[in-house]
Amino acid sequence: MAKLYLEKLTELLETLKIRSKPGISIEIKHLFSGAALYTNGVICASWSPVGLAFKLPDREAEELITIGKASPLKYFPQGHIKKGYALFESPNLKDKKKLKSYFQKAIKDALEKG
């Protein structure tokens, strides 16, 4: 199953033209039963059976959850909530502008915290 999400995440990043740049490496790896995007070795997004999640600035992630646009991220039903993540259980893949914005914010946040 992880291979499916690895392929989906790779395809989405290619579609959105999210690529490595000088000083910023972008890498996709297997994560549990899904795939994760790493920026300079720091995880910033994941796609798994629970949905597409972005590590965003804490305030923005909390706001998206509070207004009902996203959910808290838990990789396992009994697992703990991953702070700072906004989970989109059924992401709108047609809204490329919004998705690219989330990826860019997640990458920036990873670079600042990493």
PDB file of N, CA and C in Angstrom:
ATOM      1  N   MET A   1       0.817  -1.198   0.000  1.00  0.00           N
ATOM      2  CA  MET A   1       0.000   0.000   0.000  1.00  0.00           C
ATOM      3  C   MET A   1       0.861   1.262   0.000  1.00  0.00           C
ATOM      4  N   ALA A   2       2.000   1.210   0.693  1.00  0.00           N
ATOM      5  CA  ALA A   2       2.868   2.385   0.754  1.00  0.00           C
ATOM      6  C   ALA A   2       3.310   2.807  -0.645  1.00  0.00           C
ATOM      7  N   LYS A   3       3.516   1.833  -1.520  1.00  0.00           N
ATOM      8  CA  LYS A   3       3.948   2.140  -2.887  1.00  0.00           C
ATOM      9  C   LYS A   3       2.911   3.007  -3.599  1.00  0.00           C
ATOM     10  N   LEU A   4       1.641   2.713  -3.394  1.00  0.00           N
ATOM     11  CA  LEU A   4       0.567   3.494  -4.005  1.00  0.00           C
ATOM     12  C   LEU A   4       0.672   4.963  -3.594  1.00  0.00           C
ATOM     13  N   TYR A   5       0.847   5.214  -2.290  1.00  0.00           N
ATOM     14  CA  TYR A   5       0.917   6.592  -1.801  1.00  0.00           C
ATOM     15  C   TYR A   5       2.220   7.269  -2.209  1.00  0.00           C
ATOM     16  N   LEU A   6       3.288   6.501  -2.317  1.00  0.00           N
ATOM     17  CA  LEU A   6       4.551   7.035  -2.811  1.00  0.00           C
ATOM     18  C   LEU A   6       4.368   7.527  -4.245  1.00  0.00           C
ATOM     19  N   GLU A   7       3.694   6.731  -5.051  1.00  0.00           N
ATOM     20  CA  GLU A   7       3.428   7.112  -6.440  1.00  0.00           C
ATOM     21  C   GLU A   7       2.497   8.314  -6.519  1.00  0.00           C
ATOM     22  N   LYS A   8       1.441   8.320  -5.698  1.00  0.00           N
ATOM     23  CA  LYS A   8       0.483   9.428  -5.708  1.00  0.00           C
ATOM     24  C   LYS A   8       1.150  10.736  -5.284  1.00  0.00           C
ATOM     25  N   LEU A   9       1.972  10.678  -4.243  1.00  0.00           N
ATOM     26  CA  LEU A   9       2.638  11.882  -3.768  1.00  0.00           C
ATOM     27  C   LEU A   9       3.656  12.376  -4.796  1.00  0.00           C
ATOM     28  N   THR A  10       4.392  11.452  -5.394  1.00  0.00           N
ATOM     29  CA  THR A  10       5.363  11.814  -6.427  1.00  0.00           C
ATOM     30  C   THR A  10       4.661  12.485  -7.603  1.00  0.00           C
ATOM     31  N   GLU A  11       3.566  11.894  -8.047  1.00  0.00           N
ATOM     32  CA  GLU A  11       2.811  12.456  -9.182  1.00  0.00           C
ATOM     33  C   GLU A  11       2.262  13.844  -8.844  1.00  0.00           C
ATOM     34  N   LEU A  12       1.736  14.006  -7.637  1.00  0.00           N
ATOM     35  CA  LEU A  12       1.179  15.298  -7.240  1.00  0.00           C
ATOM     36  C   LEU A  12       2.270  16.367  -7.214  1.00  0.00           C
ATOM     37  N   LEU A  13       3.417  16.042  -6.659  1.00  0.00           N
ATOM     38  CA  LEU A  13       4.511  17.012  -6.610  1.00  0.00           C
ATOM     39  C   LEU A  13       4.984  17.381  -8.013  1.00  0.00           C
ATOM     40  N   GLU A  14       5.021  16.415  -8.905  1.00  0.00           N
ATOM     41  CA  GLU A  14       5.400  16.702 -10.294  1.00  0.00           C
ATOM     42  C   GLU A  14       4.368  17.610 -10.953  1.00  0.00           C
ATOM     43  N   THR A  15       3.098  17.319 -10.738  1.00  0.00           N
ATOM     44  CA  THR A  15       2.026  18.138 -11.306  1.00  0.00           C
ATOM     45  C   THR A  15       2.108  19.574 -10.803  1.00  0.00           C
ATOM     46  N   LEU A  16       2.406  19.722  -9.522  1.00  0.00           N
ATOM     47  CA  LEU A  16       2.471  21.059  -8.905  1.00  0.00           C
ATOM     48  C   LEU A  16       3.828  21.735  -9.105  1.00  0.00           C
ATOM     49  N   LYS A  17       4.758  21.005  -9.721  1.00  0.00           N
ATOM     50  CA  LYS A  17       6.111  21.514  -9.975  1.00  0.00           C
ATOM     51  C   LYS A  17       6.835  21.876  -8.669  1.00  0.00           C
ATOM     52  N   ILE A  18       6.685  21.006  -7.670  1.00  0.00           N
ATOM     53  CA  ILE A  18       7.414  21.136  -6.407  1.00  0.00           C
ATOM     54  C   ILE A  18       8.688  20.324  -6.570  1.00  0.00           C
ATOM     55  N   ARG A  19       9.820  21.003  -6.575  1.00  0.00           N
ATOM     56  CA  ARG A  19      11.100  20.335  -6.828  1.00  0.00           C
ATOM     57  C   ARG A  19      12.176  20.856  -5.888  1.00  0.00           C
ATOM     58  N   SER A  20      13.266  20.104  -5.827  1.00  0.00           N
ATOM     59  CA  SER A  20      14.442  20.564  -5.097  1.00  0.00           C
ATOM     60  C   SER A  20      14.994  21.814  -5.771  1.00  0.00           C
ATOM     61  N   LYS A  21      15.608  22.664  -4.960  1.00  0.00           N
ATOM     62  CA  LYS A  21      16.261  23.879  -5.440  1.00  0.00           C
ATOM     63  C   LYS A  21      17.619  23.949  -4.759  1.00  0.00           C
ATOM     64  N   PRO A  22      18.503  24.794  -5.218  1.00  0.00           N
ATOM     65  CA  PRO A  22      19.797  24.916  -4.533  1.00  0.00           C
ATOM     66  C   PRO A  22      19.592  25.193  -3.034  1.00  0.00           C
ATOM     67  N   GLY A  23      20.159  24.346  -2.214  1.00  0.00           N
ATOM     68  CA  GLY A  23      20.045  24.485  -0.764  1.00  0.00           C
ATOM     69  C   GLY A  23      18.790  23.878  -0.155  1.00  0.00           C
ATOM     70  N   ILE A  24      17.875  23.412  -0.992  1.00  0.00           N
ATOM     71  CA  ILE A  24      16.616  22.826  -0.500  1.00  0.00           C
ATOM     72  C   ILE A  24      16.409  21.493  -1.198  1.00  0.00           C
ATOM     73  N   SER A  25      16.600  20.403  -0.453  1.00  0.00           N
ATOM     74  CA  SER A  25      16.364  19.086  -1.044  1.00  0.00           C
ATOM     75  C   SER A  25      14.946  18.624  -0.738  1.00  0.00           C
ATOM     76  N   ILE A  26      14.340  18.005  -1.712  1.00  0.00           N
ATOM     77  CA  ILE A  26      12.996  17.447  -1.595  1.00  0.00           C
ATOM     78  C   ILE A  26      13.139  15.947  -1.822  1.00  0.00           C
ATOM     79  N   GLU A  27      12.624  15.156  -0.876  1.00  0.00           N
ATOM     80  CA  GLU A  27      12.735  13.710  -0.985  1.00  0.00           C
ATOM     81  C   GLU A  27      11.444  13.061  -0.494  1.00  0.00           C
ATOM     82  N   ILE A  28      11.016  12.024  -1.198  1.00  0.00           N
ATOM     83  CA  ILE A  28       9.818  11.287  -0.808  1.00  0.00           C
ATOM     84  C   ILE A  28      10.253   9.896  -0.366  1.00  0.00           C
ATOM     85  N   LYS A  29       9.757   9.474   0.812  1.00  0.00           N
ATOM     86  CA  LYS A  29      10.104   8.163   1.359  1.00  0.00           C
ATOM     87  C   LYS A  29       8.836   7.465   1.854  1.00  0.00           C
ATOM     88  N   HIS A  30       8.947   6.146   2.008  1.00  0.00           N
ATOM     89  CA  HIS A  30       7.864   5.372   2.612  1.00  0.00           C
ATOM     90  C   HIS A  30       7.685   5.807   4.068  1.00  0.00           C
ATOM     91  N   LEU A  31       6.436   5.805   4.516  1.00  0.00           N
ATOM     92  CA  LEU A  31       6.103   6.142   5.898  1.00  0.00           C
ATOM     93  C   LEU A  31       4.916   5.284   6.309  1.00  0.00           C
ATOM     94  N   PHE A  32       5.107   4.370   7.247  1.00  0.00           N
ATOM     95  CA  PHE A  32       4.049   3.466   7.670  1.00  0.00           C
ATOM     96  C   PHE A  32       3.418   2.841   6.429  1.00  0.00           C
ATOM     97  N   SER A  33       2.127   3.070   6.213  1.00  0.00           N
ATOM     98  CA  SER A  33       1.463   2.528   5.026  1.00  0.00           C
ATOM     99  C   SER A  33       1.274   3.615   3.966  1.00  0.00           C
ATOM    100  N   GLY A  34       2.057   4.686   4.067  1.00  0.00           N
ATOM    101  CA  GLY A  34       1.943   5.785   3.125  1.00  0.00           C
ATOM    102  C   GLY A  34       3.302   6.295   2.696  1.00  0.00           C
ATOM    103  N   ALA A  35       3.342   7.586   2.382  1.00  0.00           N
ATOM    104  CA  ALA A  35       4.579   8.226   1.930  1.00  0.00           C
ATOM    105  C   ALA A  35       4.697   9.586   2.601  1.00  0.00           C
ATOM    106  N   ALA A  36       5.944  10.033   2.758  1.00  0.00           N
ATOM    107  CA  ALA A  36       6.195  11.329   3.392  1.00  0.00           C
ATOM    108  C   ALA A  36       7.124  12.158   2.526  1.00  0.00           C
ATOM    109  N   LEU A  37       6.918  13.449   2.580  1.00  0.00           N
ATOM    110  CA  LEU A  37       7.773  14.405   1.904  1.00  0.00           C
ATOM    111  C   LEU A  37       8.716  15.001   2.939  1.00  0.00           C
ATOM    112  N   TYR A  38       9.995  14.964   2.627  1.00  0.00           N
ATOM    113  CA  TYR A  38      11.021  15.528   3.495  1.00  0.00           C
ATOM    114  C   TYR A  38      11.696  16.689   2.787  1.00  0.00           C
ATOM    115  N   THR A  39      11.956  17.740   3.537  1.00  0.00           N
ATOM    116  CA  THR A  39      12.703  18.886   3.054  1.00  0.00           C
ATOM    117  C   THR A  39      13.954  18.994   3.903  1.00  0.00           C
ATOM    118  N   ASN A  40      15.102  18.852   3.264  1.00  0.00           N
ATOM    119  CA  ASN A  40      16.383  18.869   3.981  1.00  0.00           C
ATOM    120  C   ASN A  40      16.344  17.933   5.187  1.00  0.00           C
ATOM    121  N   GLY A  41      15.720  16.770   5.007  1.00  0.00           N
ATOM    122  CA  GLY A  41      15.679  15.745   6.038  1.00  0.00           C
ATOM    123  C   GLY A  41      14.584  15.898   7.072  1.00  0.00           C
ATOM    124  N   VAL A  42      13.750  16.934   6.956  1.00  0.00           N
ATOM    125  CA  VAL A  42      12.674  17.188   7.926  1.00  0.00           C
ATOM    126  C   VAL A  42      11.338  16.894   7.252  1.00  0.00           C
ATOM    127  N   ILE A  43      10.520  16.067   7.901  1.00  0.00           N
ATOM    128  CA  ILE A  43       9.211  15.732   7.329  1.00  0.00           C
ATOM    129  C   ILE A  43       8.327  16.978   7.321  1.00  0.00           C
ATOM    130  N   CYS A  44       7.623  17.163   6.196  1.00  0.00           N
ATOM    131  CA  CYS A  44       6.750  18.330   6.116  1.00  0.00           C
ATOM    132  C   CYS A  44       5.356  17.999   5.575  1.00  0.00           C
ATOM    133  N   ALA A  45       5.185  16.807   5.005  1.00  0.00           N
ATOM    134  CA  ALA A  45       3.866  16.408   4.502  1.00  0.00           C
ATOM    135  C   ALA A  45       3.840  14.892   4.398  1.00  0.00           C
ATOM    136  N   SER A  46       2.635  14.346   4.398  1.00  0.00           N
ATOM    137  CA  SER A  46       2.494  12.901   4.217  1.00  0.00           C
ATOM    138  C   SER A  46       1.171  12.609   3.530  1.00  0.00           C
ATOM    139  N   TRP A  47       1.154  11.466   2.858  1.00  0.00           N
ATOM    140  CA  TRP A  47      -0.080  10.978   2.241  1.00  0.00           C
ATOM    141  C   TRP A  47      -0.185   9.513   2.591  1.00  0.00           C
ATOM    142  N   SER A  48      -1.268   9.162   3.229  1.00  0.00           N
ATOM    143  CA  SER A  48      -1.469   7.809   3.727  1.00  0.00           C
ATOM    144  C   SER A  48      -2.959   7.478   3.649  1.00  0.00           C
ATOM    145  N   PRO A  49      -3.347   6.299   4.078  1.00  0.00           N
ATOM    146  CA  PRO A  49      -4.779   5.966   4.041  1.00  0.00           C
ATOM    147  C   PRO A  49      -5.661   6.945   4.827  1.00  0.00           C
ATOM    148  N   VAL A  50      -5.106   7.683   5.786  1.00  0.00           N
ATOM    149  CA  VAL A  50      -5.928   8.638   6.539  1.00  0.00           C
ATOM    150  C   VAL A  50      -6.118   9.943   5.787  1.00  0.00           C
ATOM    151  N   GLY A  51      -5.281  10.219   4.778  1.00  0.00           N
ATOM    152  CA  GLY A  51      -5.428  11.431   3.985  1.00  0.00           C
ATOM    153  C   GLY A  51      -4.098  12.112   3.713  1.00  0.00           C
ATOM    154  N   LEU A  52      -4.187  13.326   3.210  1.00  0.00           N
ATOM    155  CA  LEU A  52      -3.027  14.147   2.880  1.00  0.00           C
ATOM    156  C   LEU A  52      -2.833  15.149   4.008  1.00  0.00           C
ATOM    157  N   ALA A  53      -1.659  15.117   4.631  1.00  0.00           N
ATOM    158  CA  ALA A  53      -1.398  15.968   5.790  1.00  0.00           C
ATOM    159  C   ALA A  53      -0.216  16.882   5.520  1.00  0.00           C
ATOM    160  N   PHE A  54      -0.315  18.097   6.048  1.00  0.00           N
ATOM    161  CA  PHE A  54       0.746  19.093   5.914  1.00  0.00           C
ATOM    162  C   PHE A  54       1.173  19.569   7.293  1.00  0.00           C
ATOM    163  N   LYS A  55       2.480  19.650   7.507  1.00  0.00           N
ATOM    164  CA  LYS A  55       3.023  20.239   8.733  1.00  0.00           C
ATOM    165  C   LYS A  55       3.101  21.730   8.464  1.00  0.00           C
ATOM    166  N   LEU A  56       2.234  22.467   9.111  1.00  0.00           N
ATOM    167  CA  LEU A  56       2.120  23.907   8.893  1.00  0.00           C
ATOM    168  C   LEU A  56       2.480  24.652  10.172  1.00  0.00           C
ATOM    169  N   PRO A  57       2.655  25.949  10.078  1.00  0.00           N
ATOM    170  CA  PRO A  57       2.812  26.704  11.318  1.00  0.00           C
ATOM    171  C   PRO A  57       1.646  26.359  12.251  1.00  0.00           C
ATOM    172  N   ASP A  58       1.950  26.155  13.522  1.00  0.00           N
ATOM    173  CA  ASP A  58       0.939  25.681  14.482  1.00  0.00           C
ATOM    174  C   ASP A  58      -0.367  26.463  14.402  1.00  0.00           C
ATOM    175  N   ARG A  59      -0.261  27.766  14.342  1.00  0.00           N
ATOM    176  CA  ARG A  59      -1.464  28.609  14.341  1.00  0.00           C
ATOM    177  C   ARG A  59      -2.342  28.331  13.121  1.00  0.00           C
ATOM    178  N   GLU A  60      -1.717  28.184  11.951  1.00  0.00           N
ATOM    179  CA  GLU A  60      -2.490  27.923  10.743  1.00  0.00           C
ATOM    180  C   GLU A  60      -3.138  26.540  10.779  1.00  0.00           C
ATOM    181  N   ALA A  61      -2.396  25.536  11.239  1.00  0.00           N
ATOM    182  CA  ALA A  61      -2.967  24.186  11.337  1.00  0.00           C
ATOM    183  C   ALA A  61      -4.156  24.186  12.295  1.00  0.00           C
ATOM    184  N   GLU A  62      -4.016  24.832  13.434  1.00  0.00           N
ATOM    185  CA  GLU A  62      -5.114  24.894  14.412  1.00  0.00           C
ATOM    186  C   GLU A  62      -6.334  25.607  13.838  1.00  0.00           C
ATOM    187  N   GLU A  63      -6.094  26.676  13.082  1.00  0.00           N
ATOM    188  CA  GLU A  63      -7.202  27.417  12.487  1.00  0.00           C
ATOM    189  C   GLU A  63      -7.952  26.569  11.459  1.00  0.00           C
ATOM    190  N   LEU A  64      -7.226  25.857  10.606  1.00  0.00           N
ATOM    191  CA  LEU A  64      -7.871  24.991   9.618  1.00  0.00           C
ATOM    192  C   LEU A  64      -8.710  23.906  10.293  1.00  0.00           C
ATOM    193  N   ILE A  65      -8.209  23.385  11.394  1.00  0.00           N
ATOM    194  CA  ILE A  65      -8.948  22.362  12.136  1.00  0.00           C
ATOM    195  C   ILE A  65     -10.173  22.977  12.806  1.00  0.00           C
ATOM    196  N   THR A  66     -10.004  24.133  13.431  1.00  0.00           N
ATOM    197  CA  THR A  66     -11.089  24.802  14.145  1.00  0.00           C
ATOM    198  C   THR A  66     -12.250  25.149  13.221  1.00  0.00           C
ATOM    199  N   ILE A  67     -11.938  25.620  12.006  1.00  0.00           N
ATOM    200  CA  ILE A  67     -13.017  26.010  11.092  1.00  0.00           C
ATOM    201  C   ILE A  67     -13.555  24.833  10.270  1.00  0.00           C
ATOM    202  N   GLY A  68     -13.009  23.646  10.507  1.00  0.00           N
ATOM    203  CA  GLY A  68     -13.539  22.448   9.874  1.00  0.00           C
ATOM    204  C   GLY A  68     -13.019  22.136   8.479  1.00  0.00           C
ATOM    205  N   LYS A  69     -11.992  22.847   8.025  1.00  0.00           N
ATOM    206  CA  LYS A  69     -11.429  22.558   6.703  1.00  0.00           C
ATOM    207  C   LYS A  69     -10.464  21.384   6.753  1.00  0.00           C
ATOM    208  N   ALA A  70      -9.928  21.091   7.932  1.00  0.00           N
ATOM    209  CA  ALA A  70      -8.983  19.987   8.105  1.00  0.00           C
ATOM    210  C   ALA A  70      -9.296  19.287   9.426  1.00  0.00           C
ATOM    211  N   SER A  71      -8.645  18.161   9.622  1.00  0.00           N
ATOM    212  CA  SER A  71      -8.790  17.388  10.857  1.00  0.00           C
ATOM    213  C   SER A  71      -7.420  17.243  11.501  1.00  0.00           C
ATOM    214  N   PRO A  72      -7.394  16.917  12.799  1.00  0.00           N
ATOM    215  CA  PRO A  72      -6.108  16.611  13.430  1.00  0.00           C
ATOM    216  C   PRO A  72      -5.547  15.322  12.842  1.00  0.00           C
ATOM    217  N   LEU A  73      -4.240  15.197  12.796  1.00  0.00           N
ATOM    218  CA  LEU A  73      -3.605  14.009  12.236  1.00  0.00           C
ATOM    219  C   LEU A  73      -3.260  13.004  13.320  1.00  0.00           C
ATOM    220  N   LYS A  74      -3.730  11.775  13.116  1.00  0.00           N
ATOM    221  CA  LYS A  74      -3.326  10.622  13.917  1.00  0.00           C
ATOM    222  C   LYS A  74      -3.075   9.504  12.921  1.00  0.00           C
ATOM    223  N   TYR A  75      -1.862   8.933  12.935  1.00  0.00           N
ATOM    224  CA  TYR A  75      -1.552   7.865  11.994  1.00  0.00           C
ATOM    225  C   TYR A  75      -2.233   6.550  12.368  1.00  0.00           C
ATOM    226  N   PHE A  76      -2.540   6.380  13.650  1.00  0.00           N
ATOM    227  CA  PHE A  76      -3.186   5.164  14.129  1.00  0.00           C
ATOM    228  C   PHE A  76      -4.377   5.569  14.992  1.00  0.00           C
ATOM    229  N   PRO A  77      -5.464   4.781  14.980  1.00  0.00           N
ATOM    230  CA  PRO A  77      -6.659   5.161  15.748  1.00  0.00           C
ATOM    231  C   PRO A  77      -6.369   5.479  17.217  1.00  0.00           C
ATOM    232  N   GLN A  78      -5.496   4.717  17.851  1.00  0.00           N
ATOM    233  CA  GLN A  78      -5.193   4.959  19.261  1.00  0.00           C
ATOM    234  C   GLN A  78      -3.939   5.826  19.445  1.00  0.00           C
ATOM    235  N   GLY A  79      -3.396   6.327  18.342  1.00  0.00           N
ATOM    236  CA  GLY A  79      -2.186   7.144  18.392  1.00  0.00           C
ATOM    237  C   GLY A  79      -2.478   8.552  18.883  1.00  0.00           C
ATOM    238  N   HIS A  80      -1.403   9.280  19.153  1.00  0.00           N
ATOM    239  CA  HIS A  80      -1.580  10.652  19.610  1.00  0.00           C
ATOM    240  C   HIS A  80      -1.702  11.599  18.415  1.00  0.00           C
ATOM    241  N   ILE A  81      -2.302  12.746  18.655  1.00  0.00           N
ATOM    242  CA  ILE A  81      -2.469  13.755  17.614  1.00  0.00           C
ATOM    243  C   ILE A  81      -1.115  14.396  17.352  1.00  0.00           C
ATOM    244  N   LYS A  82      -0.761  14.495  16.066  1.00  0.00           N
ATOM    245  CA  LYS A  82       0.499  15.094  15.654  1.00  0.00           C
ATOM    246  C   LYS A  82       0.313  16.616  15.619  1.00  0.00           C
ATOM    247  N   LYS A  83       0.945  17.297  16.542  1.00  0.00           N
ATOM    248  CA  LYS A  83       0.807  18.744  16.669  1.00  0.00           C
ATOM    249  C   LYS A  83       1.328  19.460  15.413  1.00  0.00           C
ATOM    250  N   GLY A  84       0.582  20.456  14.979  1.00  0.00           N
ATOM    251  CA  GLY A  84       0.988  21.278  13.858  1.00  0.00           C
ATOM    252  C   GLY A  84       0.633  20.719  12.495  1.00  0.00           C
ATOM    253  N   TYR A  85      -0.059  19.597  12.469  1.00  0.00           N
ATOM    254  CA  TYR A  85      -0.443  19.003  11.193  1.00  0.00           C
ATOM    255  C   TYR A  85      -1.913  19.265  10.902  1.00  0.00           C
ATOM    256  N   ALA A  86      -2.187  19.571   9.646  1.00  0.00           N
ATOM    257  CA  ALA A  86      -3.563  19.698   9.165  1.00  0.00           C
ATOM    258  C   ALA A  86      -3.790  18.533   8.201  1.00  0.00           C
ATOM    259  N   LEU A  87      -4.782  17.711   8.478  1.00  0.00           N
ATOM    260  CA  LEU A  87      -5.087  16.535   7.681  1.00  0.00           C
ATOM    261  C   LEU A  87      -6.306  16.802   6.809  1.00  0.00           C
ATOM    262  N   PHE A  88      -6.153  16.517   5.529  1.00  0.00           N
ATOM    263  CA  PHE A  88      -7.260  16.606   4.588  1.00  0.00           C
ATOM    264  C   PHE A  88      -7.604  15.175   4.206  1.00  0.00           C
ATOM    265  N   GLU A  89      -8.688  14.679   4.797  1.00  0.00           N
ATOM    266  CA  GLU A  89      -9.060  13.279   4.621  1.00  0.00           C
ATOM    267  C   GLU A  89      -9.434  12.961   3.178  1.00  0.00           C
ATOM    268  N   SER A  90     -10.068  13.882   2.508  1.00  0.00           N
ATOM    269  CA  SER A  90     -10.426  13.730   1.094  1.00  0.00           C
ATOM    270  C   SER A  90      -9.961  14.987   0.368  1.00  0.00           C
ATOM    271  N   PRO A  91      -8.665  15.078   0.090  1.00  0.00           N
ATOM    272  CA  PRO A  91      -8.149  16.319  -0.506  1.00  0.00           C
ATOM    273  C   PRO A  91      -8.728  16.594  -1.889  1.00  0.00           C
ATOM    274  N   ASN A  92      -8.996  17.862  -2.139  1.00  0.00           N
ATOM    275  CA  ASN A  92      -9.492  18.288  -3.444  1.00  0.00           C
ATOM    276  C   ASN A  92      -8.292  18.434  -4.372  1.00  0.00           C
ATOM    277  N   LEU A  93      -7.999  17.401  -5.127  1.00  0.00           N
ATOM    278  CA  LEU A  93      -6.820  17.385  -5.987  1.00  0.00           C
ATOM    279  C   LEU A  93      -6.947  18.318  -7.182  1.00  0.00           C
ATOM    280  N   LYS A  94      -8.144  18.809  -7.423  1.00  0.00           N
ATOM    281  CA  LYS A  94      -8.340  19.755  -8.524  1.00  0.00           C
ATOM    282  C   LYS A  94      -7.943  21.173  -8.127  1.00  0.00           C
ATOM    283  N   ASP A  95      -7.889  21.451  -6.833  1.00  0.00           N
ATOM    284  CA  ASP A  95      -7.521  22.786  -6.361  1.00  0.00           C
ATOM    285  C   ASP A  95      -5.998  22.873  -6.242  1.00  0.00           C
ATOM    286  N   LYS A  96      -5.352  22.899  -7.399  1.00  0.00           N
ATOM    287  CA  LYS A  96      -3.890  22.874  -7.450  1.00  0.00           C
ATOM    288  C   LYS A  96      -3.260  24.098  -6.773  1.00  0.00           C
ATOM    289  N   LYS A  97      -3.892  25.237  -6.901  1.00  0.00           N
ATOM    290  CA  LYS A  97      -3.356  26.461  -6.289  1.00  0.00           C
ATOM    291  C   LYS A  97      -3.287  26.324  -4.771  1.00  0.00           C
ATOM    292  N   LYS A  98      -4.341  25.809  -4.179  1.00  0.00           N
ATOM    293  CA  LYS A  98      -4.389  25.651  -2.720  1.00  0.00           C
ATOM    294  C   LYS A  98      -3.399  24.578  -2.265  1.00  0.00           C
ATOM    295  N   LEU A  99      -3.354  23.460  -2.973  1.00  0.00           N
ATOM    296  CA  LEU A  99      -2.416  22.384  -2.616  1.00  0.00           C
ATOM    297  C   LEU A  99      -0.972  22.871  -2.698  1.00  0.00           C
ATOM    298  N   LYS A 100      -0.645  23.588  -3.767  1.00  0.00           N
ATOM    299  CA  LYS A 100       0.717  24.096  -3.917  1.00  0.00           C
ATOM    300  C   LYS A 100       1.045  25.053  -2.773  1.00  0.00           C
ATOM    301  N   SER A 101       0.075  25.865  -2.388  1.00  0.00           N
ATOM    302  CA  SER A 101       0.276  26.785  -1.272  1.00  0.00           C
ATOM    303  C   SER A 101       0.582  26.029   0.018  1.00  0.00           C
ATOM    304  N   TYR A 102      -0.159  24.955   0.292  1.00  0.00           N
ATOM    305  CA  TYR A 102       0.093  24.158   1.499  1.00  0.00           C
ATOM    306  C   TYR A 102       1.474  23.511   1.457  1.00  0.00           C
ATOM    307  N   PHE A 103       1.850  22.974   0.300  1.00  0.00           N
ATOM    308  CA  PHE A 103       3.191  22.384   0.186  1.00  0.00           C
ATOM    309  C   PHE A 103       4.265  23.441   0.417  1.00  0.00           C
ATOM    310  N   GLN A 104       4.099  24.612  -0.180  1.00  0.00           N
ATOM    311  CA  GLN A 104       5.099  25.665  -0.016  1.00  0.00           C
ATOM    312  C   GLN A 104       5.205  26.112   1.446  1.00  0.00           C
ATOM    313  N   LYS A 105       4.081  26.241   2.117  1.00  0.00           N
ATOM    314  CA  LYS A 105       4.097  26.623   3.536  1.00  0.00           C
ATOM    315  C   LYS A 105       4.732  25.531   4.386  1.00  0.00           C
ATOM    316  N   ALA A 106       4.427  24.264   4.068  1.00  0.00           N
ATOM    317  CA  ALA A 106       4.988  23.145   4.820  1.00  0.00           C
ATOM    318  C   ALA A 106       6.503  23.080   4.630  1.00  0.00           C
ATOM    319  N   ILE A 107       6.951  23.301   3.412  1.00  0.00           N
ATOM    320  CA  ILE A 107       8.391  23.297   3.145  1.00  0.00           C
ATOM    321  C   ILE A 107       9.076  24.438   3.880  1.00  0.00           C
ATOM    322  N   LYS A 108       8.492  25.607   3.814  1.00  0.00           N
ATOM    323  CA  LYS A 108       9.063  26.782   4.511  1.00  0.00           C
ATOM    324  C   LYS A 108       9.124  26.541   6.017  1.00  0.00           C
ATOM    325  N   ASP A 109       8.043  25.988   6.576  1.00  0.00           N
ATOM    326  CA  ASP A 109       8.002  25.704   8.012  1.00  0.00           C
ATOM    327  C   ASP A 109       9.075  24.687   8.393  1.00  0.00           C
ATOM    328  N   ALA A 110       9.254  23.668   7.564  1.00  0.00           N
ATOM    329  CA  ALA A 110      10.286  22.651   7.835  1.00  0.00           C
ATOM    330  C   ALA A 110      11.670  23.263   7.799  1.00  0.00           C
ATOM    331  N   LEU A 111      11.905  24.142   6.855  1.00  0.00           N
ATOM    332  CA  LEU A 111      13.217  24.788   6.754  1.00  0.00           C
ATOM    333  C   LEU A 111      13.493  25.677   7.961  1.00  0.00           C
ATOM    334  N   GLU A 112      12.463  26.360   8.441  1.00  0.00           N
ATOM    335  CA  GLU A 112      12.631  27.248   9.598  1.00  0.00           C
ATOM    336  C   GLU A 112      12.848  26.476  10.891  1.00  0.00           C
ATOM    337  N   LYS A 113      12.168  25.321  11.023  1.00  0.00           N
ATOM    338  CA  LYS A 113      12.269  24.542  12.252  1.00  0.00           C
ATOM    339  C   LYS A 113      13.384  23.502  12.215  1.00  0.00           C
ATOM    340  N   GLY A 114      13.778  23.113  10.987  1.00  0.00           N
ATOM    341  CA  GLY A 114      14.770  22.049  10.838  1.00  0.00           C
ATOM    342  C   GLY A 114      16.152  22.519  11.061  1.00  0.00           C
TER     343      GLY A 114
END
